[in-house]
Amino acid sequence: MSDHLHEVDLLIESLRKDYPSEINSFLTFKAKAEAGPALSRREKELINVGLSVAAQCSWCISLHVKGAHDAGATRDEIMEAGFMAVVMHGGPALMYLIELTRELDSLGSPPPAAPGHA
């Protein structure tokens, strides 16, 4: 995990040198978005853990697991946030089977005669 966190630090440092306008705009937005009072830091980090898993971003996972842990989230809370990402990442993919089957139907491809037959 520390390698990912170090890599993020190096990236931000490099971008501040080479692309200050772009990275500073992003970091300002991030700070303002994170400053909202409705959710606690712990809750925000748990949301970010789930989003990091759904986005399949190793660096984001490292950053936000540490953030959630540092904000007082338990291992079980962090794992549950990860499982919610799996549910949502899997669920939307399942919904695209509607389009897939619709396309197959439009091509005249018949459904299987019985469940389990390819």
PDB file of N, CA and C in Angstrom:
ATOM      1  N   MET A   1       0.820  -1.192   0.000  1.00  0.00           N
ATOM      2  CA  MET A   1       0.000   0.000   0.000  1.00  0.00           C
ATOM      3  C   MET A   1       0.860   1.250   0.000  1.00  0.00           C
ATOM      4  N   SER A   2       1.929   1.262   0.777  1.00  0.00           N
ATOM      5  CA  SER A   2       2.740   2.475   0.878  1.00  0.00           C
ATOM      6  C   SER A   2       3.350   2.851  -0.469  1.00  0.00           C
ATOM      7  N   ASP A   3       3.625   1.866  -1.332  1.00  0.00           N
ATOM      8  CA  ASP A   3       4.139   2.186  -2.672  1.00  0.00           C
ATOM      9  C   ASP A   3       3.123   3.003  -3.448  1.00  0.00           C
ATOM     10  N   HIS A   4       1.854   2.596  -3.392  1.00  0.00           N
ATOM     11  CA  HIS A   4       0.815   3.340  -4.103  1.00  0.00           C
ATOM     12  C   HIS A   4       0.695   4.756  -3.562  1.00  0.00           C
ATOM     13  N   LEU A   5       0.715   4.892  -2.248  1.00  0.00           N
ATOM     14  CA  LEU A   5       0.591   6.220  -1.646  1.00  0.00           C
ATOM     15  C   LEU A   5       1.781   7.100  -2.036  1.00  0.00           C
ATOM     16  N   HIS A   6       2.961   6.512  -2.059  1.00  0.00           N
ATOM     17  CA  HIS A   6       4.163   7.253  -2.467  1.00  0.00           C
ATOM     18  C   HIS A   6       4.052   7.658  -3.937  1.00  0.00           C
ATOM     19  N   GLU A   7       3.562   6.761  -4.779  1.00  0.00           N
ATOM     20  CA  GLU A   7       3.398   7.067  -6.202  1.00  0.00           C
ATOM     21  C   GLU A   7       2.403   8.218  -6.412  1.00  0.00           C
ATOM     22  N   VAL A   8       1.335   8.236  -5.631  1.00  0.00           N
ATOM     23  CA  VAL A   8       0.362   9.331  -5.723  1.00  0.00           C
ATOM     24  C   VAL A   8       1.035  10.651  -5.341  1.00  0.00           C
ATOM     25  N   ASP A   9       1.795  10.625  -4.257  1.00  0.00           N
ATOM     26  CA  ASP A   9       2.509  11.839  -3.834  1.00  0.00           C
ATOM     27  C   ASP A   9       3.452  12.337  -4.932  1.00  0.00           C
ATOM     28  N   LEU A  10       4.195  11.424  -5.542  1.00  0.00           N
ATOM     29  CA  LEU A  10       5.115  11.805  -6.618  1.00  0.00           C
ATOM     30  C   LEU A  10       4.368  12.369  -7.821  1.00  0.00           C
ATOM     31  N   LEU A  11       3.245  11.771  -8.160  1.00  0.00           N
ATOM     32  CA  LEU A  11       2.446  12.260  -9.279  1.00  0.00           C
ATOM     33  C   LEU A  11       1.955  13.683  -9.019  1.00  0.00           C
ATOM     34  N   ILE A  12       1.382  13.908  -7.844  1.00  0.00           N
ATOM     35  CA  ILE A  12       0.873  15.241  -7.506  1.00  0.00           C
ATOM     36  C   ILE A  12       2.009  16.264  -7.545  1.00  0.00           C
ATOM     37  N   GLU A  13       3.146  15.897  -6.989  1.00  0.00           N
ATOM     38  CA  GLU A  13       4.310  16.797  -6.997  1.00  0.00           C
ATOM     39  C   GLU A  13       4.730  17.131  -8.428  1.00  0.00           C
ATOM     40  N   SER A  14       4.788  16.125  -9.282  1.00  0.00           N
ATOM     41  CA  SER A  14       5.173  16.334 -10.677  1.00  0.00           C
ATOM     42  C   SER A  14       4.153  17.202 -11.416  1.00  0.00           C
ATOM     43  N   LEU A  15       2.877  16.925 -11.187  1.00  0.00           N
ATOM     44  CA  LEU A  15       1.837  17.706 -11.853  1.00  0.00           C
ATOM     45  C   LEU A  15       1.812  19.154 -11.368  1.00  0.00           C
ATOM     46  N   ARG A  16       2.102  19.363 -10.090  1.00  0.00           N
ATOM     47  CA  ARG A  16       2.167  20.742  -9.574  1.00  0.00           C
ATOM     48  C   ARG A  16       3.282  21.530 -10.269  1.00  0.00           C
ATOM     49  N   LYS A  17       4.364  20.836 -10.624  1.00  0.00           N
ATOM     50  CA  LYS A  17       5.480  21.485 -11.304  1.00  0.00           C
ATOM     51  C   LYS A  17       5.166  21.718 -12.782  1.00  0.00           C
ATOM     52  N   ASP A  18       4.645  20.672 -13.453  1.00  0.00           N
ATOM     53  CA  ASP A  18       4.478  20.722 -14.909  1.00  0.00           C
ATOM     54  C   ASP A  18       3.110  21.220 -15.371  1.00  0.00           C
ATOM     55  N   TYR A  19       2.078  21.001 -14.573  1.00  0.00           N
ATOM     56  CA  TYR A  19       0.716  21.381 -14.951  1.00  0.00           C
ATOM     57  C   TYR A  19      -0.013  22.000 -13.758  1.00  0.00           C
ATOM     58  N   PRO A  20       0.525  23.104 -13.230  1.00  0.00           N
ATOM     59  CA  PRO A  20      -0.026  23.657 -11.991  1.00  0.00           C
ATOM     60  C   PRO A  20      -1.487  24.089 -12.102  1.00  0.00           C
ATOM     61  N   SER A  21      -1.870  24.678 -13.196  1.00  0.00           N
ATOM     62  CA  SER A  21      -3.251  25.152 -13.328  1.00  0.00           C
ATOM     63  C   SER A  21      -4.240  23.996 -13.249  1.00  0.00           C
ATOM     64  N   GLU A  22      -3.951  22.940 -13.992  1.00  0.00           N
ATOM     65  CA  GLU A  22      -4.865  21.801 -14.054  1.00  0.00           C
ATOM     66  C   GLU A  22      -4.966  21.076 -12.712  1.00  0.00           C
ATOM     67  N   ILE A  23      -3.817  20.751 -12.117  1.00  0.00           N
ATOM     68  CA  ILE A  23      -3.853  19.981 -10.872  1.00  0.00           C
ATOM     69  C   ILE A  23      -4.371  20.831  -9.718  1.00  0.00           C
ATOM     70  N   ASN A  24      -4.030  22.115  -9.696  1.00  0.00           N
ATOM     71  CA  ASN A  24      -4.534  22.959  -8.623  1.00  0.00           C
ATOM     72  C   ASN A  24      -6.047  23.148  -8.729  1.00  0.00           C
ATOM     73  N   SER A  25      -6.572  23.228  -9.941  1.00  0.00           N
ATOM     74  CA  SER A  25      -8.029  23.307 -10.119  1.00  0.00           C
ATOM     75  C   SER A  25      -8.696  22.044  -9.593  1.00  0.00           C
ATOM     76  N   PHE A  26      -8.127  20.905  -9.922  1.00  0.00           N
ATOM     77  CA  PHE A  26      -8.684  19.638  -9.432  1.00  0.00           C
ATOM     78  C   PHE A  26      -8.613  19.565  -7.916  1.00  0.00           C
ATOM     79  N   LEU A  27      -7.457  19.894  -7.348  1.00  0.00           N
ATOM     80  CA  LEU A  27      -7.276  19.799  -5.894  1.00  0.00           C
ATOM     81  C   LEU A  27      -8.179  20.782  -5.143  1.00  0.00           C
ATOM     82  N   THR A  28      -8.427  21.950  -5.731  1.00  0.00           N
ATOM     83  CA  THR A  28      -9.348  22.917  -5.121  1.00  0.00           C
ATOM     84  C   THR A  28     -10.768  22.358  -5.127  1.00  0.00           C
ATOM     85  N   PHE A  29     -11.192  21.816  -6.264  1.00  0.00           N
ATOM     86  CA  PHE A  29     -12.519  21.197  -6.341  1.00  0.00           C
ATOM     87  C   PHE A  29     -12.636  20.067  -5.321  1.00  0.00           C
ATOM     88  N   LYS A  30     -11.631  19.204  -5.271  1.00  0.00           N
ATOM     89  CA  LYS A  30     -11.632  18.071  -4.342  1.00  0.00           C
ATOM     90  C   LYS A  30     -11.783  18.546  -2.901  1.00  0.00           C
ATOM     91  N   ALA A  31     -11.029  19.561  -2.536  1.00  0.00           N
ATOM     92  CA  ALA A  31     -11.092  20.082  -1.170  1.00  0.00           C
ATOM     93  C   ALA A  31     -12.479  20.645  -0.856  1.00  0.00           C
ATOM     94  N   LYS A  32     -13.069  21.371  -1.801  1.00  0.00           N
ATOM     95  CA  LYS A  32     -14.402  21.942  -1.587  1.00  0.00           C
ATOM     96  C   LYS A  32     -15.451  20.833  -1.498  1.00  0.00           C
ATOM     97  N   ALA A  33     -15.354  19.830  -2.350  1.00  0.00           N
ATOM     98  CA  ALA A  33     -16.315  18.724  -2.330  1.00  0.00           C
ATOM     99  C   ALA A  33     -16.217  17.939  -1.024  1.00  0.00           C
ATOM    100  N   GLU A  34     -15.010  17.765  -0.527  1.00  0.00           N
ATOM    101  CA  GLU A  34     -14.802  17.009   0.708  1.00  0.00           C
ATOM    102  C   GLU A  34     -15.162  17.816   1.959  1.00  0.00           C
ATOM    103  N   ALA A  35     -15.335  19.128   1.828  1.00  0.00           N
ATOM    104  CA  ALA A  35     -15.591  19.985   2.986  1.00  0.00           C
ATOM    105  C   ALA A  35     -17.062  20.045   3.381  1.00  0.00           C
ATOM    106  N   GLY A  36     -17.944  19.488   2.569  1.00  0.00           N
ATOM    107  CA  GLY A  36     -19.365  19.534   2.890  1.00  0.00           C
ATOM    108  C   GLY A  36     -19.648  18.930   4.257  1.00  0.00           C
ATOM    109  N   PRO A  37     -20.610  19.514   4.996  1.00  0.00           N
ATOM    110  CA  PRO A  37     -20.848  19.092   6.369  1.00  0.00           C
ATOM    111  C   PRO A  37     -21.840  17.934   6.553  1.00  0.00           C
ATOM    112  N   ALA A  38     -22.552  17.528   5.519  1.00  0.00           N
ATOM    113  CA  ALA A  38     -23.629  16.544   5.700  1.00  0.00           C
ATOM    114  C   ALA A  38     -23.121  15.151   6.058  1.00  0.00           C
ATOM    115  N   LEU A  39     -21.965  14.770   5.539  1.00  0.00           N
ATOM    116  CA  LEU A  39     -21.390  13.451   5.822  1.00  0.00           C
ATOM    117  C   LEU A  39     -20.102  13.625   6.610  1.00  0.00           C
ATOM    118  N   SER A  40     -19.847  12.696   7.500  1.00  0.00           N
ATOM    119  CA  SER A  40     -18.591  12.727   8.253  1.00  0.00           C
ATOM    120  C   SER A  40     -17.433  12.317   7.340  1.00  0.00           C
ATOM    121  N   ARG A  41     -16.228  12.618   7.767  1.00  0.00           N
ATOM    122  CA  ARG A  41     -15.044  12.195   7.007  1.00  0.00           C
ATOM    123  C   ARG A  41     -15.027  10.677   6.855  1.00  0.00           C
ATOM    124  N   ARG A  42     -15.398   9.958   7.925  1.00  0.00           N
ATOM    125  CA  ARG A  42     -15.442   8.498   7.895  1.00  0.00           C
ATOM    126  C   ARG A  42     -16.431   8.018   6.834  1.00  0.00           C
ATOM    127  N   GLU A  43     -17.621   8.600   6.814  1.00  0.00           N
ATOM    128  CA  GLU A  43     -18.635   8.197   5.829  1.00  0.00           C
ATOM    129  C   GLU A  43     -18.168   8.494   4.406  1.00  0.00           C
ATOM    130  N   LYS A  44     -17.573   9.657   4.202  1.00  0.00           N
ATOM    131  CA  LYS A  44     -17.062  10.012   2.873  1.00  0.00           C
ATOM    132  C   LYS A  44     -15.984   9.038   2.425  1.00  0.00           C
ATOM    133  N   GLU A  45     -15.091   8.678   3.337  1.00  0.00           N
ATOM    134  CA  GLU A  45     -14.026   7.744   2.971  1.00  0.00           C
ATOM    135  C   GLU A  45     -14.585   6.354   2.676  1.00  0.00           C
ATOM    136  N   LEU A  46     -15.614   5.936   3.405  1.00  0.00           N
ATOM    137  CA  LEU A  46     -16.232   4.639   3.113  1.00  0.00           C
ATOM    138  C   LEU A  46     -16.879   4.654   1.728  1.00  0.00           C
ATOM    139  N   ILE A  47     -17.527   5.755   1.375  1.00  0.00           N
ATOM    140  CA  ILE A  47     -18.085   5.881   0.024  1.00  0.00           C
ATOM    141  C   ILE A  47     -16.956   5.794  -0.999  1.00  0.00           C
ATOM    142  N   ASN A  48     -15.854   6.509  -0.723  1.00  0.00           N
ATOM    143  CA  ASN A  48     -14.722   6.494  -1.649  1.00  0.00           C
ATOM    144  C   ASN A  48     -14.074   5.115  -1.759  1.00  0.00           C
ATOM    145  N   VAL A  49     -14.088   4.354  -0.674  1.00  0.00           N
ATOM    146  CA  VAL A  49     -13.589   2.970  -0.745  1.00  0.00           C
ATOM    147  C   VAL A  49     -14.421   2.188  -1.758  1.00  0.00           C
ATOM    148  N   GLY A  50     -15.735   2.261  -1.623  1.00  0.00           N
ATOM    149  CA  GLY A  50     -16.610   1.540  -2.549  1.00  0.00           C
ATOM    150  C   GLY A  50     -16.416   1.993  -3.986  1.00  0.00           C
ATOM    151  N   LEU A  51     -16.331   3.298  -4.192  1.00  0.00           N
ATOM    152  CA  LEU A  51     -16.120   3.810  -5.548  1.00  0.00           C
ATOM    153  C   LEU A  51     -14.767   3.374  -6.104  1.00  0.00           C
ATOM    154  N   SER A  52     -13.765   3.316  -5.252  1.00  0.00           N
ATOM    155  CA  SER A  52     -12.430   2.890  -5.685  1.00  0.00           C
ATOM    156  C   SER A  52     -12.435   1.441  -6.147  1.00  0.00           C
ATOM    157  N   VAL A  53     -13.153   0.596  -5.418  1.00  0.00           N
ATOM    158  CA  VAL A  53     -13.257  -0.814  -5.810  1.00  0.00           C
ATOM    159  C   VAL A  53     -14.018  -0.918  -7.128  1.00  0.00           C
ATOM    160  N   ALA A  54     -15.142  -0.206  -7.245  1.00  0.00           N
ATOM    161  CA  ALA A  54     -15.934  -0.265  -8.478  1.00  0.00           C
ATOM    162  C   ALA A  54     -15.138   0.243  -9.672  1.00  0.00           C
ATOM    163  N   ALA A  55     -14.300   1.265  -9.439  1.00  0.00           N
ATOM    164  CA  ALA A  55     -13.481   1.819 -10.521  1.00  0.00           C
ATOM    165  C   ALA A  55     -12.233   0.982 -10.793  1.00  0.00           C
ATOM    166  N   GLN A  56     -11.996   0.003  -9.947  1.00  0.00           N
ATOM    167  CA  GLN A  56     -10.842  -0.886 -10.073  1.00  0.00           C
ATOM    168  C   GLN A  56      -9.532  -0.102 -10.103  1.00  0.00           C
ATOM    169  N   CYS A  57      -9.413   0.862  -9.167  1.00  0.00           N
ATOM    170  CA  CYS A  57      -8.242   1.736  -9.079  1.00  0.00           C
ATOM    171  C   CYS A  57      -7.426   1.361  -7.845  1.00  0.00           C
ATOM    172  N   SER A  58      -6.326   0.677  -8.048  1.00  0.00           N
ATOM    173  CA  SER A  58      -5.484   0.229  -6.937  1.00  0.00           C
ATOM    174  C   SER A  58      -4.976   1.395  -6.099  1.00  0.00           C
ATOM    175  N   TRP A  59      -4.558   2.479  -6.755  1.00  0.00           N
ATOM    176  CA  TRP A  59      -4.053   3.633  -6.027  1.00  0.00           C
ATOM    177  C   TRP A  59      -5.166   4.261  -5.184  1.00  0.00           C
ATOM    178  N   CYS A  60      -6.372   4.348  -5.769  1.00  0.00           N
ATOM    179  CA  CYS A  60      -7.519   4.913  -5.043  1.00  0.00           C
ATOM    180  C   CYS A  60      -7.878   4.034  -3.847  1.00  0.00           C
ATOM    181  N   ILE A  61      -7.833   2.724  -4.034  1.00  0.00           N
ATOM    182  CA  ILE A  61      -8.131   1.812  -2.931  1.00  0.00           C
ATOM    183  C   ILE A  61      -7.145   2.049  -1.791  1.00  0.00           C
ATOM    184  N   SER A  62      -5.867   2.116  -2.101  1.00  0.00           N
ATOM    185  CA  SER A  62      -4.859   2.358  -1.061  1.00  0.00           C
ATOM    186  C   SER A  62      -5.121   3.664  -0.335  1.00  0.00           C
ATOM    187  N   LEU A  63      -5.366   4.712  -1.099  1.00  0.00           N
ATOM    188  CA  LEU A  63      -5.586   6.037  -0.531  1.00  0.00           C
ATOM    189  C   LEU A  63      -6.812   6.065   0.375  1.00  0.00           C
ATOM    190  N   HIS A  64      -7.914   5.483  -0.080  1.00  0.00           N
ATOM    191  CA  HIS A  64      -9.170   5.615   0.662  1.00  0.00           C
ATOM    192  C   HIS A  64      -9.338   4.573   1.764  1.00  0.00           C
ATOM    193  N   VAL A  65      -8.707   3.416   1.639  1.00  0.00           N
ATOM    194  CA  VAL A  65      -8.701   2.478   2.772  1.00  0.00           C
ATOM    195  C   VAL A  65      -7.939   3.120   3.928  1.00  0.00           C
ATOM    196  N   LYS A  66      -6.797   3.719   3.633  1.00  0.00           N
ATOM    197  CA  LYS A  66      -6.040   4.419   4.684  1.00  0.00           C
ATOM    198  C   LYS A  66      -6.864   5.568   5.245  1.00  0.00           C
ATOM    199  N   GLY A  67      -7.507   6.336   4.358  1.00  0.00           N
ATOM    200  CA  GLY A  67      -8.325   7.453   4.813  1.00  0.00           C
ATOM    201  C   GLY A  67      -9.469   7.002   5.703  1.00  0.00           C
ATOM    202  N   ALA A  68     -10.147   5.926   5.316  1.00  0.00           N
ATOM    203  CA  ALA A  68     -11.259   5.405   6.123  1.00  0.00           C
ATOM    204  C   ALA A  68     -10.742   4.888   7.458  1.00  0.00           C
ATOM    205  N   HIS A  69      -9.644   4.160   7.428  1.00  0.00           N
ATOM    206  CA  HIS A  69      -9.042   3.636   8.657  1.00  0.00           C
ATOM    207  C   HIS A  69      -8.647   4.777   9.580  1.00  0.00           C
ATOM    208  N   ASP A  70      -7.972   5.777   9.024  1.00  0.00           N
ATOM    209  CA  ASP A  70      -7.534   6.927   9.823  1.00  0.00           C
ATOM    210  C   ASP A  70      -8.721   7.713  10.381  1.00  0.00           C
ATOM    211  N   ALA A  71      -9.866   7.661   9.685  1.00  0.00           N
ATOM    212  CA  ALA A  71     -11.067   8.374  10.131  1.00  0.00           C
ATOM    213  C   ALA A  71     -11.890   7.550  11.119  1.00  0.00           C
ATOM    214  N   GLY A  72     -11.399   6.355  11.476  1.00  0.00           N
ATOM    215  CA  GLY A  72     -12.058   5.548  12.498  1.00  0.00           C
ATOM    216  C   GLY A  72     -12.943   4.429  12.001  1.00  0.00           C
ATOM    217  N   ALA A  73     -12.959   4.173  10.702  1.00  0.00           N
ATOM    218  CA  ALA A  73     -13.762   3.071  10.180  1.00  0.00           C
ATOM    219  C   ALA A  73     -13.134   1.736  10.578  1.00  0.00           C
ATOM    220  N   THR A  74     -13.986   0.765  10.881  1.00  0.00           N
ATOM    221  CA  THR A  74     -13.498  -0.561  11.244  1.00  0.00           C
ATOM    222  C   THR A  74     -13.211  -1.379   9.992  1.00  0.00           C
ATOM    223  N   ARG A  75     -12.494  -2.465  10.190  1.00  0.00           N
ATOM    224  CA  ARG A  75     -12.235  -3.386   9.078  1.00  0.00           C
ATOM    225  C   ARG A  75     -13.550  -3.860   8.467  1.00  0.00           C
ATOM    226  N   ASP A  76     -14.526  -4.208   9.316  1.00  0.00           N
ATOM    227  CA  ASP A  76     -15.814  -4.689   8.808  1.00  0.00           C
ATOM    228  C   ASP A  76     -16.538  -3.613   7.998  1.00  0.00           C
ATOM    229  N   GLU A  77     -16.477  -2.363   8.442  1.00  0.00           N
ATOM    230  CA  GLU A  77     -17.121  -1.286   7.685  1.00  0.00           C
ATOM    231  C   GLU A  77     -16.446  -1.098   6.327  1.00  0.00           C
ATOM    232  N   ILE A  78     -15.129  -1.153   6.305  1.00  0.00           N
ATOM    233  CA  ILE A  78     -14.392  -0.990   5.048  1.00  0.00           C
ATOM    234  C   ILE A  78     -14.688  -2.160   4.108  1.00  0.00           C
ATOM    235  N   MET A  79     -14.704  -3.379   4.649  1.00  0.00           N
ATOM    236  CA  MET A  79     -15.040  -4.547   3.822  1.00  0.00           C
ATOM    237  C   MET A  79     -16.466  -4.450   3.283  1.00  0.00           C
ATOM    238  N   GLU A  80     -17.400  -4.011   4.128  1.00  0.00           N
ATOM    239  CA  GLU A  80     -18.791  -3.880   3.678  1.00  0.00           C
ATOM    240  C   GLU A  80     -18.909  -2.846   2.565  1.00  0.00           C
ATOM    241  N   ALA A  81     -18.170  -1.745   2.661  1.00  0.00           N
ATOM    242  CA  ALA A  81     -18.155  -0.753   1.581  1.00  0.00           C
ATOM    243  C   ALA A  81     -17.644  -1.394   0.291  1.00  0.00           C
ATOM    244  N   GLY A  82     -16.624  -2.241   0.407  1.00  0.00           N
ATOM    245  CA  GLY A  82     -16.118  -2.959  -0.764  1.00  0.00           C
ATOM    246  C   GLY A  82     -17.146  -3.911  -1.336  1.00  0.00           C
ATOM    247  N   PHE A  83     -17.859  -4.623  -0.465  1.00  0.00           N
ATOM    248  CA  PHE A  83     -18.888  -5.545  -0.946  1.00  0.00           C
ATOM    249  C   PHE A  83     -20.017  -4.798  -1.646  1.00  0.00           C
ATOM    250  N   MET A  84     -20.370  -3.601  -1.167  1.00  0.00           N
ATOM    251  CA  MET A  84     -21.409  -2.812  -1.824  1.00  0.00           C
ATOM    252  C   MET A  84     -20.975  -2.427  -3.233  1.00  0.00           C
ATOM    253  N   ALA A  85     -19.680  -2.173  -3.393  1.00  0.00           N
ATOM    254  CA  ALA A  85     -19.164  -1.879  -4.730  1.00  0.00           C
ATOM    255  C   ALA A  85     -19.315  -3.086  -5.645  1.00  0.00           C
ATOM    256  N   VAL A  86     -19.054  -4.266  -5.092  1.00  0.00           N
ATOM    257  CA  VAL A  86     -19.205  -5.491  -5.891  1.00  0.00           C
ATOM    258  C   VAL A  86     -20.669  -5.666  -6.299  1.00  0.00           C
ATOM    259  N   VAL A  87     -21.576  -5.405  -5.370  1.00  0.00           N
ATOM    260  CA  VAL A  87     -23.001  -5.504  -5.682  1.00  0.00           C
ATOM    261  C   VAL A  87     -23.351  -4.539  -6.813  1.00  0.00           C
ATOM    262  N   MET A  88     -22.923  -3.291  -6.685  1.00  0.00           N
ATOM    263  CA  MET A  88     -23.286  -2.286  -7.686  1.00  0.00           C
ATOM    264  C   MET A  88     -22.537  -2.473  -8.994  1.00  0.00           C
ATOM    265  N   HIS A  89     -21.320  -2.889  -8.928  1.00  0.00           N
ATOM    266  CA  HIS A  89     -20.576  -3.107 -10.165  1.00  0.00           C
ATOM    267  C   HIS A  89     -21.132  -4.322 -10.900  1.00  0.00           C
ATOM    268  N   GLY A  90     -21.530  -5.318 -10.129  1.00  0.00           N
ATOM    269  CA  GLY A  90     -22.125  -6.507 -10.744  1.00  0.00           C
ATOM    270  C   GLY A  90     -23.540  -6.250 -11.218  1.00  0.00           C
ATOM    271  N   GLY A  91     -24.321  -5.517 -10.411  1.00  0.00           N
ATOM    272  CA  GLY A  91     -25.706  -5.228 -10.755  1.00  0.00           C
ATOM    273  C   GLY A  91     -25.858  -4.466 -12.053  1.00  0.00           C
ATOM    274  N   PRO A  92     -25.145  -3.360 -12.242  1.00  0.00           N
ATOM    275  CA  PRO A  92     -25.255  -2.655 -13.517  1.00  0.00           C
ATOM    276  C   PRO A  92     -24.835  -3.510 -14.709  1.00  0.00           C
ATOM    277  N   ALA A  93     -23.813  -4.326 -14.517  1.00  0.00           N
ATOM    278  CA  ALA A  93     -23.418  -5.215 -15.613  1.00  0.00           C
ATOM    279  C   ALA A  93     -24.554  -6.175 -15.945  1.00  0.00           C
ATOM    280  N   LEU A  94     -25.237  -6.673 -14.910  1.00  0.00           N
ATOM    281  CA  LEU A  94     -26.375  -7.564 -15.126  1.00  0.00           C
ATOM    282  C   LEU A  94     -27.453  -6.862 -15.942  1.00  0.00           C
ATOM    283  N   MET A  95     -27.691  -5.580 -15.659  1.00  0.00           N
ATOM    284  CA  MET A  95     -28.728  -4.840 -16.367  1.00  0.00           C
ATOM    285  C   MET A  95     -28.441  -4.713 -17.857  1.00  0.00           C
ATOM    286  N   TYR A  96     -27.159  -4.719 -18.233  1.00  0.00           N
ATOM    287  CA  TYR A  96     -26.818  -4.644 -19.653  1.00  0.00           C
ATOM    288  C   TYR A  96     -27.180  -5.915 -20.401  1.00  0.00           C
ATOM    289  N   LEU A  97     -27.497  -6.982 -19.654  1.00  0.00           N
ATOM    290  CA  LEU A  97     -27.987  -8.188 -20.325  1.00  0.00           C
ATOM    291  C   LEU A  97     -29.338  -7.938 -20.976  1.00  0.00           C
ATOM    292  N   ILE A  98     -30.066  -6.917 -20.524  1.00  0.00           N
ATOM    293  CA  ILE A  98     -31.317  -6.537 -21.193  1.00  0.00           C
ATOM    294  C   ILE A  98     -31.013  -6.148 -22.630  1.00  0.00           C
ATOM    295  N   GLU A  99     -30.028  -5.265 -22.812  1.00  0.00           N
ATOM    296  CA  GLU A  99     -29.659  -4.854 -24.168  1.00  0.00           C
ATOM    297  C   GLU A  99     -29.089  -6.018 -24.961  1.00  0.00           C
ATOM    298  N   LEU A 100     -28.270  -6.821 -24.296  1.00  0.00           N
ATOM    299  CA  LEU A 100     -27.676  -7.972 -24.973  1.00  0.00           C
ATOM    300  C   LEU A 100     -28.749  -8.921 -25.490  1.00  0.00           C
ATOM    301  N   THR A 101     -29.697  -9.273 -24.628  1.00  0.00           N
ATOM    302  CA  THR A 101     -30.749 -10.195 -25.075  1.00  0.00           C
ATOM    303  C   THR A 101     -31.649  -9.540 -26.110  1.00  0.00           C
ATOM    304  N   ARG A 102     -31.886  -8.234 -25.981  1.00  0.00           N
ATOM    305  CA  ARG A 102     -32.685  -7.509 -26.974  1.00  0.00           C
ATOM    306  C   ARG A 102     -32.011  -7.589 -28.343  1.00  0.00           C
ATOM    307  N   GLU A 103     -30.683  -7.392 -28.379  1.00  0.00           N
ATOM    308  CA  GLU A 103     -29.941  -7.479 -29.637  1.00  0.00           C
ATOM    309  C   GLU A 103     -29.976  -8.894 -30.207  1.00  0.00           C
ATOM    310  N   LEU A 104     -29.799  -9.883 -29.332  1.00  0.00           N
ATOM    311  CA  LEU A 104     -29.881 -11.274 -29.793  1.00  0.00           C
ATOM    312  C   LEU A 104     -31.262 -11.572 -30.363  1.00  0.00           C
ATOM    313  N   ASP A 105     -32.293 -11.107 -29.675  1.00  0.00           N
ATOM    314  CA  ASP A 105     -33.667 -11.314 -30.160  1.00  0.00           C
ATOM    315  C   ASP A 105     -33.870 -10.652 -31.513  1.00  0.00           C
ATOM    316  N   SER A 106     -33.313  -9.461 -31.712  1.00  0.00           N
ATOM    317  CA  SER A 106     -33.486  -8.758 -32.983  1.00  0.00           C
ATOM    318  C   SER A 106     -32.775  -9.472 -34.127  1.00  0.00           C
ATOM    319  N   LEU A 107     -31.773 -10.277 -33.788  1.00  0.00           N
ATOM    320  CA  LEU A 107     -31.054 -11.055 -34.805  1.00  0.00           C
ATOM    321  C   LEU A 107     -31.721 -12.404 -35.070  1.00  0.00           C
ATOM    322  N   GLY A 108     -32.804 -12.681 -34.352  1.00  0.00           N
ATOM    323  CA  GLY A 108     -33.495 -13.946 -34.528  1.00  0.00           C
ATOM    324  C   GLY A 108     -32.824 -15.110 -33.831  1.00  0.00           C
ATOM    325  N   SER A 109     -31.934 -14.827 -32.923  1.00  0.00           N
ATOM    326  CA  SER A 109     -31.261 -15.890 -32.186  1.00  0.00           C
ATOM    327  C   SER A 109     -32.194 -16.389 -31.092  1.00  0.00           C
ATOM    328  N   PRO A 110     -32.649 -17.644 -31.186  1.00  0.00           N
ATOM    329  CA  PRO A 110     -33.636 -18.140 -30.214  1.00  0.00           C
ATOM    330  C   PRO A 110     -33.011 -18.410 -28.853  1.00  0.00           C
ATOM    331  N   PRO A 111     -33.802 -18.244 -27.789  1.00  0.00           N
ATOM    332  CA  PRO A 111     -33.298 -18.611 -26.468  1.00  0.00           C
ATOM    333  C   PRO A 111     -33.109 -20.116 -26.382  1.00  0.00           C
ATOM    334  N   PRO A 112     -32.332 -20.601 -25.427  1.00  0.00           N
ATOM    335  CA  PRO A 112     -32.121 -22.042 -25.317  1.00  0.00           C
ATOM    336  C   PRO A 112     -33.439 -22.760 -25.047  1.00  0.00           C
ATOM    337  N   ALA A 113     -33.510 -24.020 -25.489  1.00  0.00           N
ATOM    338  CA  ALA A 113     -34.714 -24.821 -25.330  1.00  0.00           C
ATOM    339  C   ALA A 113     -35.012 -25.072 -23.862  1.00  0.00           C
ATOM    340  N   ALA A 114     -33.995 -25.268 -23.079  1.00  0.00           N
ATOM    341  CA  ALA A 114     -34.178 -25.543 -21.653  1.00  0.00           C
ATOM    342  C   ALA A 114     -33.006 -24.940 -20.893  1.00  0.00           C
ATOM    343  N   PRO A 115     -33.231 -24.574 -19.632  1.00  0.00           N
ATOM    344  CA  PRO A 115     -32.127 -24.010 -18.847  1.00  0.00           C
ATOM    345  C   PRO A 115     -30.925 -24.956 -18.803  1.00  0.00           C
ATOM    346  N   GLY A 116     -29.754 -24.353 -18.910  1.00  0.00           N
ATOM    347  CA  GLY A 116     -28.517 -25.122 -18.807  1.00  0.00           C
ATOM    348  C   GLY A 116     -28.020 -25.676 -20.127  1.00  0.00           C
ATOM    349  N   HIS A 117     -28.753 -25.486 -21.207  1.00  0.00           N
ATOM    350  CA  HIS A 117     -28.306 -25.978 -22.523  1.00  0.00           C
ATOM    351  C   HIS A 117     -27.669 -24.850 -23.309  1.00  0.00           C
ATOM    352  N   ALA A 118     -26.499 -25.118 -23.827  1.00  0.00           N
ATOM    353  CA  ALA A 118     -25.780 -24.093 -24.587  1.00  0.00           C
ATOM    354  C   ALA A 118     -26.176 -24.114 -26.035  1.00  0.00           C
TER     355      ALA A 118
END
